[in-house]
Amino acid sequence: MPGIVVPFGDDVSAVPLNANEVSVLKTDMLVAQTDVPKGMTLFQAGRKAIVMNVSDFAAKGVAPRAALVSLGLPHSLKSSDLEDIARGLNAGAREYGTYIVGGDTGEACDLVVAVNLFGVSAKTGMMLRTGVHVGDVLAVTGLFGKPAAGLKIIKGGCEATLDVRKSLLNSVCNPVARLQEGLALRGSGAVSGSIDSSDGLAWCLHELSAQSGVGFLVSVLPVAEEVAGFAEQNQLDASELVLYGGEEYELVVTVDPKRWAKAEAAAAAAGGKLLPIGKATRGRRVLLEVGGKRRVIEARGYEHFKGC
C-alpha cells in the first residue's frame, strides 16, 4: 500500500484513517493440532486465541478496541464445547479491555479460531521493529523457558516437583499478554524497537536484527527459576528452552541507554518489569556471551510447515 505506516512484516498492519491516525489491524489463528496441547481446556484455548493477538498489539503499544472471530468447527464438537470456546474468547477480550463484535462460523476438519483485532493509534510513536540503534539496551518484560518446559512435561518423559509442574503447566494453558507494559513503554518515548516473543526469543532477536540492520549481544540469559531447576533435574540445556522454546508472550524491546531509567519506571508503574539482557551491536550477528565465551544464537524458533 502506498504510504504504508507500519512496514510489511511487523507484528501488526496499519491503514491511514486521517492525517493523524491509523487503524491498527492484526489477525492470528489458533489451530487445535498445533496450538492446543493435551490438558488445555476449550475455555483456555478460546482465551489464548485472544492473547495471541493482543500480544502483538502490546508490542506496538496499541490498545485493542474490537475483535472479529471466525470459527472452524469440527463436526464432533458439542454445543457445550462451543459455549466453552465462546466463554474463553469473551473472557480474554474483557481481560484486555476489548469486545468481540461479530464474526463467522463454518465446519472444518480441525478446530480453528481466527481472531481479527482492530485498534486506533496516532500515526507516529508506535514501537516498530525498525528503529533499533547500535548501543541500545536490549531488554525483556519477563523471564523465559516456562512454556517450553511445560510442553515437555505434557509430552511425557520429564519430571518436576508438584509446585514447579503446576507453574510450568499454567504458563502453557494460561498465557498473559503484556498489554499494560506495552502501552506504558510506548508512552515513555524511550523504546526504539519492539517485538512480541511468541515465536521464541532467538527468532525475534533475528527478526529485530534483520529489520533494523543491527546485531545483538545477549549477556544475561533470562532464565525462569523453575526452568533452571527443571533443566537440571531432567538433564536438559536451559538455554535451549529459553532461546528456542517459544509460546512466551513477553515483549522484547530496545531502549536508548540515556532513557533507560524512564523506560524501567514506566514498566514498573504498569505493574510489570523491564529486565536488561544485552545490547545492540554493529553488524548482524546475534551472540550469547556466557562465562566470557561467545557463541552464535541460531535463527530458529517455531515455524509452521517445518515438518511438511
Protein backbone atom coordinates (compact mmCIF):
# COMPACT_ATOMS: atom_id res chain seq x y z
CA MET A 1 0.00 0.00 0.00
CA PRO A 2 1.40 3.44 -0.87
CA GLY A 3 2.47 5.42 2.18
CA ILE A 4 2.28 2.42 4.48
CA VAL A 5 2.89 3.43 8.11
CA VAL A 6 3.95 0.06 9.54
CA PRO A 7 6.49 -1.80 7.37
CA PHE A 8 5.27 -5.11 5.97
CA GLY A 9 6.34 -7.98 8.24
CA ASP A 10 5.94 -6.20 11.59
CA ASP A 11 3.70 -7.51 14.38
CA VAL A 12 0.66 -5.57 13.09
CA SER A 13 -0.54 -3.76 9.99
CA ALA A 14 -1.96 -0.24 9.77
CA VAL A 15 -4.20 1.70 7.38
CA PRO A 16 -4.47 5.52 7.45
CA LEU A 17 -7.73 6.91 8.84
CA ASN A 18 -6.90 10.60 8.56
CA ALA A 19 -3.88 12.88 8.67
CA ASN A 20 -3.00 11.93 12.24
CA GLU A 21 -4.44 8.48 12.97
CA VAL A 22 -4.22 4.94 11.63
CA SER A 23 -6.36 1.86 12.01
CA VAL A 24 -4.19 -0.90 13.50
CA LEU A 25 -5.04 -4.43 12.33
CA LYS A 26 -3.93 -7.89 13.35
CA THR A 27 -5.07 -11.42 12.58
CA ASP A 28 -3.79 -14.68 14.03
CA MET A 29 -5.18 -18.21 14.04
CA LEU A 30 -5.27 -20.79 16.77
CA VAL A 31 -5.38 -24.33 15.31
CA ALA A 32 -6.07 -27.19 17.71
CA GLN A 33 -3.48 -29.57 16.27
CA THR A 34 -0.57 -27.16 16.73
CA ASP A 35 -1.75 -24.67 19.38
CA VAL A 36 -3.88 -26.64 21.85
CA PRO A 37 -1.75 -29.14 23.79
CA LYS A 38 -3.11 -32.02 25.81
CA GLY A 39 -4.68 -30.77 29.02
CA MET A 40 -5.68 -27.33 27.71
CA THR A 41 -9.44 -26.81 28.04
CA LEU A 42 -11.55 -25.31 25.27
CA PHE A 43 -12.15 -22.28 27.51
CA GLN A 44 -8.38 -21.81 27.77
CA ALA A 45 -8.00 -22.30 24.01
CA GLY A 46 -10.55 -19.58 23.30
CA ARG A 47 -8.83 -17.19 25.69
CA LYS A 48 -5.41 -18.00 24.22
CA ALA A 49 -6.66 -17.06 20.74
CA ILE A 50 -7.29 -13.55 22.06
CA VAL A 51 -3.99 -13.36 23.97
CA MET A 52 -2.04 -14.29 20.82
CA ASN A 53 -3.39 -11.24 19.03
CA VAL A 54 -3.30 -8.81 21.95
CA SER A 55 0.38 -9.58 22.49
CA ASP A 56 1.18 -8.21 19.03
CA PHE A 57 -0.76 -5.03 19.84
CA ALA A 58 1.18 -4.80 23.10
CA ALA A 59 4.45 -4.95 21.21
CA LYS A 60 3.43 -1.83 19.28
CA GLY A 61 1.98 -0.02 22.31
CA VAL A 62 -1.58 0.00 20.94
CA ALA A 63 -4.81 -0.76 22.82
CA PRO A 64 -7.30 -3.04 21.05
CA ARG A 65 -10.83 -1.71 20.53
CA ALA A 66 -12.74 -4.59 18.95
CA ALA A 67 -12.37 -8.08 17.54
CA LEU A 68 -13.97 -10.27 14.91
CA VAL A 69 -13.74 -14.03 15.38
CA SER A 70 -14.17 -16.76 12.75
CA LEU A 71 -14.56 -20.33 13.97
CA GLY A 72 -13.83 -23.50 12.03
CA LEU A 73 -15.67 -26.21 13.97
CA PRO A 74 -15.25 -29.99 13.66
CA HIS A 75 -18.49 -31.93 13.41
CA SER A 76 -17.58 -33.79 16.60
CA LEU A 77 -17.87 -30.68 18.81
CA LYS A 78 -20.90 -30.49 21.10
CA SER A 79 -22.89 -27.33 21.81
CA SER A 80 -21.35 -27.26 25.31
CA ASP A 81 -17.88 -27.26 23.70
CA LEU A 82 -18.82 -24.25 21.61
CA GLU A 83 -20.08 -22.48 24.72
CA ASP A 84 -16.73 -23.13 26.44
CA ILE A 85 -14.83 -21.66 23.49
CA ALA A 86 -17.13 -18.63 23.43
CA ARG A 87 -16.74 -18.05 27.16
CA GLY A 88 -12.95 -18.22 26.78
CA LEU A 89 -12.99 -15.77 23.90
CA ASN A 90 -15.15 -13.35 25.85
CA ALA A 91 -13.05 -13.67 28.99
CA GLY A 92 -9.88 -12.91 27.02
CA ALA A 93 -11.45 -9.93 25.28
CA ARG A 94 -12.74 -8.39 28.51
CA GLU A 95 -9.42 -9.05 30.27
CA TYR A 96 -7.74 -6.73 27.77
CA GLY A 97 -10.48 -4.13 27.55
CA THR A 98 -11.96 -5.05 24.20
CA TYR A 99 -15.13 -6.63 22.78
CA ILE A 100 -15.97 -9.26 20.18
CA VAL A 101 -18.39 -7.54 17.79
CA GLY A 102 -19.02 -10.24 15.20
CA GLY A 103 -17.54 -13.00 13.09
CA ASP A 104 -18.35 -16.19 11.23
CA THR A 105 -18.66 -19.93 11.78
CA GLY A 106 -18.14 -22.88 9.48
CA GLU A 107 -17.35 -26.58 9.53
CA ALA A 108 -13.71 -27.65 9.45
CA CYS A 109 -11.65 -30.80 9.96
CA ASP A 110 -9.88 -29.27 12.98
CA LEU A 111 -10.80 -26.56 15.46
CA VAL A 112 -9.69 -23.19 14.09
CA VAL A 113 -10.16 -19.90 15.96
CA ALA A 114 -9.17 -16.92 13.78
CA VAL A 115 -9.18 -13.57 15.56
CA ASN A 116 -9.05 -10.23 13.78
CA LEU A 117 -8.14 -7.39 16.14
CA PHE A 118 -8.77 -3.69 15.50
CA GLY A 119 -7.47 -0.54 17.21
CA VAL A 120 -6.70 3.12 16.55
CA SER A 121 -3.34 4.78 17.03
CA ALA A 122 -1.57 8.03 16.38
CA LYS A 123 0.35 7.74 13.14
CA THR A 124 3.66 8.34 14.90
CA GLY A 125 5.16 6.78 18.00
CA MET A 126 4.35 3.10 17.53
CA MET A 127 7.17 0.83 18.68
CA LEU A 128 8.25 -0.81 15.43
CA ARG A 129 10.88 -3.42 14.61
CA THR A 130 12.89 -0.99 12.51
CA GLY A 131 14.12 1.62 15.00
CA VAL A 132 16.92 -0.15 16.88
CA HIS A 133 20.26 1.68 17.11
CA VAL A 134 23.73 0.37 17.94
CA GLY A 135 24.29 0.73 21.68
CA ASP A 136 20.63 0.44 22.65
CA VAL A 137 19.87 -1.65 25.72
CA LEU A 138 18.19 -4.98 24.91
CA ALA A 139 15.50 -5.85 27.46
CA VAL A 140 12.55 -8.16 28.11
CA THR A 141 9.38 -7.89 30.20
CA GLY A 142 9.81 -11.26 31.89
CA LEU A 143 11.74 -14.50 32.22
CA PHE A 144 11.68 -17.25 29.60
CA GLY A 145 11.52 -21.01 29.20
CA LYS A 146 8.45 -21.98 31.23
CA PRO A 147 6.09 -22.85 28.34
CA ALA A 148 8.80 -24.90 26.62
CA ALA A 149 9.42 -26.81 29.84
CA GLY A 150 5.69 -27.24 30.39
CA LEU A 151 5.25 -28.73 26.94
CA LYS A 152 7.99 -31.26 27.69
CA ILE A 153 6.01 -32.37 30.74
CA ILE A 154 2.83 -32.65 28.67
CA LYS A 155 4.59 -34.74 26.03
CA GLY A 156 5.97 -37.03 28.75
CA GLY A 157 9.38 -38.20 29.85
CA CYS A 158 10.26 -35.25 32.10
CA GLU A 159 9.80 -34.93 35.84
CA ALA A 160 9.15 -31.93 38.10
CA THR A 161 8.12 -31.23 41.67
CA LEU A 162 4.42 -30.56 42.22
CA ASP A 163 4.82 -26.77 42.58
CA VAL A 164 7.14 -26.46 39.58
CA ARG A 165 4.90 -28.69 37.47
CA LYS A 166 1.89 -26.53 38.32
CA SER A 167 3.73 -23.32 37.42
CA LEU A 168 5.07 -24.68 34.13
CA LEU A 169 1.71 -26.10 33.00
CA ASN A 170 -0.06 -22.88 33.95
CA SER A 171 2.30 -20.93 31.69
CA VAL A 172 1.20 -23.15 28.78
CA CYS A 173 -2.54 -23.07 29.43
CA ASN A 174 -2.96 -19.50 30.72
CA PRO A 175 -0.56 -17.21 28.85
CA VAL A 176 -0.53 -13.47 29.58
CA ALA A 177 -0.06 -10.62 27.10
CA ARG A 178 1.96 -7.63 28.36
CA LEU A 179 -0.50 -5.01 27.16
CA GLN A 180 -0.21 -2.57 30.06
CA GLU A 181 3.57 -2.71 29.89
CA GLY A 182 3.48 -2.12 26.14
CA LEU A 183 1.21 0.90 26.48
CA ALA A 184 3.38 2.33 29.25
CA LEU A 185 6.62 1.76 27.37
CA ARG A 186 5.27 3.49 24.30
CA GLY A 187 4.17 6.39 26.46
CA SER A 188 7.68 6.70 27.90
CA GLY A 189 9.11 7.52 24.48
CA ALA A 190 12.24 5.58 25.44
CA VAL A 191 11.77 2.45 23.30
CA SER A 192 13.48 2.32 19.91
CA GLY A 193 12.33 -1.17 18.83
CA SER A 194 9.87 -3.80 20.00
CA ILE A 195 8.60 -7.27 19.08
CA ASP A 196 6.33 -9.95 20.54
CA SER A 197 8.30 -13.04 21.59
CA SER A 198 5.76 -15.81 20.90
CA ASP A 199 7.90 -17.44 18.17
CA GLY A 200 10.84 -17.72 20.54
CA LEU A 201 13.45 -15.34 21.94
CA ALA A 202 16.11 -16.33 19.41
CA TRP A 203 13.79 -15.93 16.44
CA CYS A 204 12.58 -12.49 17.48
CA LEU A 205 16.15 -11.28 18.05
CA HIS A 206 16.97 -12.26 14.49
CA GLU A 207 13.82 -10.53 13.26
CA LEU A 208 14.81 -7.30 15.03
CA SER A 209 18.34 -7.70 13.70
CA ALA A 210 17.21 -8.11 10.10
CA GLN A 211 14.70 -5.27 10.13
CA SER A 212 16.88 -2.75 11.98
CA GLY A 213 20.24 -3.73 10.48
CA VAL A 214 21.96 -4.35 13.83
CA GLY A 215 23.30 -7.29 15.80
CA PHE A 216 22.79 -8.27 19.43
CA LEU A 217 24.99 -9.46 22.25
CA VAL A 218 23.00 -11.23 24.97
CA SER A 219 24.98 -11.16 28.20
CA VAL A 220 22.25 -12.24 30.64
CA LEU A 221 20.04 -15.18 29.72
CA PRO A 222 16.54 -14.54 31.17
CA VAL A 223 16.01 -18.00 32.66
CA ALA A 224 12.99 -18.51 34.91
CA GLU A 225 13.93 -20.08 38.25
CA GLU A 226 11.60 -23.04 37.68
CA VAL A 227 13.22 -23.66 34.27
CA ALA A 228 16.74 -23.74 35.69
CA GLY A 229 15.75 -26.39 38.24
CA PHE A 230 13.66 -28.35 35.74
CA ALA A 231 16.52 -28.43 33.22
CA GLU A 232 19.00 -29.65 35.84
CA GLN A 233 16.61 -32.34 37.10
CA ASN A 234 15.95 -33.66 33.59
CA GLN A 235 19.47 -33.18 32.20
CA LEU A 236 18.34 -30.57 29.67
CA ASP A 237 20.02 -27.41 28.41
CA ALA A 238 18.18 -24.46 29.97
CA SER A 239 19.41 -22.13 27.24
CA GLU A 240 17.61 -24.27 24.62
CA LEU A 241 14.33 -23.87 26.49
CA VAL A 242 14.84 -20.13 26.91
CA LEU A 243 16.03 -19.28 23.40
CA TYR A 244 14.12 -21.65 21.16
CA GLY A 245 11.02 -22.80 23.04
CA GLY A 246 8.56 -20.05 22.14
CA GLU A 247 4.96 -19.64 23.33
CA GLU A 248 6.01 -16.82 25.65
CA TYR A 249 4.09 -13.60 25.18
CA GLU A 250 6.72 -11.30 26.61
CA LEU A 251 7.91 -8.14 24.87
CA VAL A 252 11.48 -7.87 23.63
CA VAL A 253 12.44 -4.21 23.38
CA THR A 254 15.42 -1.96 22.84
CA VAL A 255 15.87 1.24 24.81
CA ASP A 256 18.00 4.35 24.37
CA PRO A 257 20.53 3.94 27.25
CA LYS A 258 20.05 7.60 28.20
CA ARG A 259 16.35 6.89 28.72
CA TRP A 260 16.66 3.55 30.47
CA ALA A 261 15.50 4.84 33.85
CA LYS A 262 12.38 6.30 32.24
CA ALA A 263 11.51 3.02 30.50
CA GLU A 264 12.16 0.97 33.62
CA ALA A 265 9.94 3.27 35.69
CA ALA A 266 7.16 3.13 33.07
CA ALA A 267 7.10 -0.67 33.13
CA ALA A 268 7.06 -0.69 36.94
CA ALA A 269 4.21 1.84 37.04
CA ALA A 270 2.20 -0.52 34.79
CA GLY A 271 2.71 -3.35 37.28
CA GLY A 272 5.44 -5.07 35.29
CA LYS A 273 9.20 -5.07 34.99
CA LEU A 274 11.91 -4.50 32.43
CA LEU A 275 14.98 -6.73 32.57
CA PRO A 276 18.17 -5.74 30.69
CA ILE A 277 19.73 -8.76 28.95
CA GLY A 278 22.23 -7.27 26.47
CA LYS A 279 22.77 -4.59 23.86
CA ALA A 280 22.50 -3.86 20.15
CA THR A 281 25.79 -4.11 18.25
CA ARG A 282 27.21 -3.37 14.82
CA GLY A 283 26.78 -5.99 12.11
CA ARG A 284 24.02 -8.55 12.16
CA ARG A 285 25.42 -11.28 14.37
CA VAL A 286 23.27 -12.42 17.27
CA LEU A 287 25.51 -13.75 20.03
CA LEU A 288 25.27 -15.11 23.56
CA GLU A 289 28.12 -14.46 25.99
CA VAL A 290 28.45 -16.90 28.89
CA GLY A 291 31.49 -17.10 31.15
CA GLY A 292 33.50 -14.84 28.86
CA LYS A 293 32.85 -17.05 25.83
CA ARG A 294 30.62 -16.11 22.91
CA ARG A 295 28.53 -18.38 20.72
CA VAL A 296 26.06 -17.79 17.93
CA ILE A 297 22.36 -17.76 18.73
CA GLU A 298 20.82 -19.65 15.84
CA ALA A 299 17.90 -18.22 13.87
CA ARG A 300 15.36 -20.84 14.81
CA GLY A 301 12.10 -20.99 16.68
CA TYR A 302 8.58 -22.20 15.96
CA GLU A 303 7.84 -22.35 12.21
CA HIS A 304 4.61 -23.63 10.64
CA PHE A 305 5.02 -26.24 7.87
CA LYS A 306 8.56 -27.04 9.04
CA GLY A 307 7.68 -30.73 9.21
CA CYS A 308 5.79 -30.82 5.92
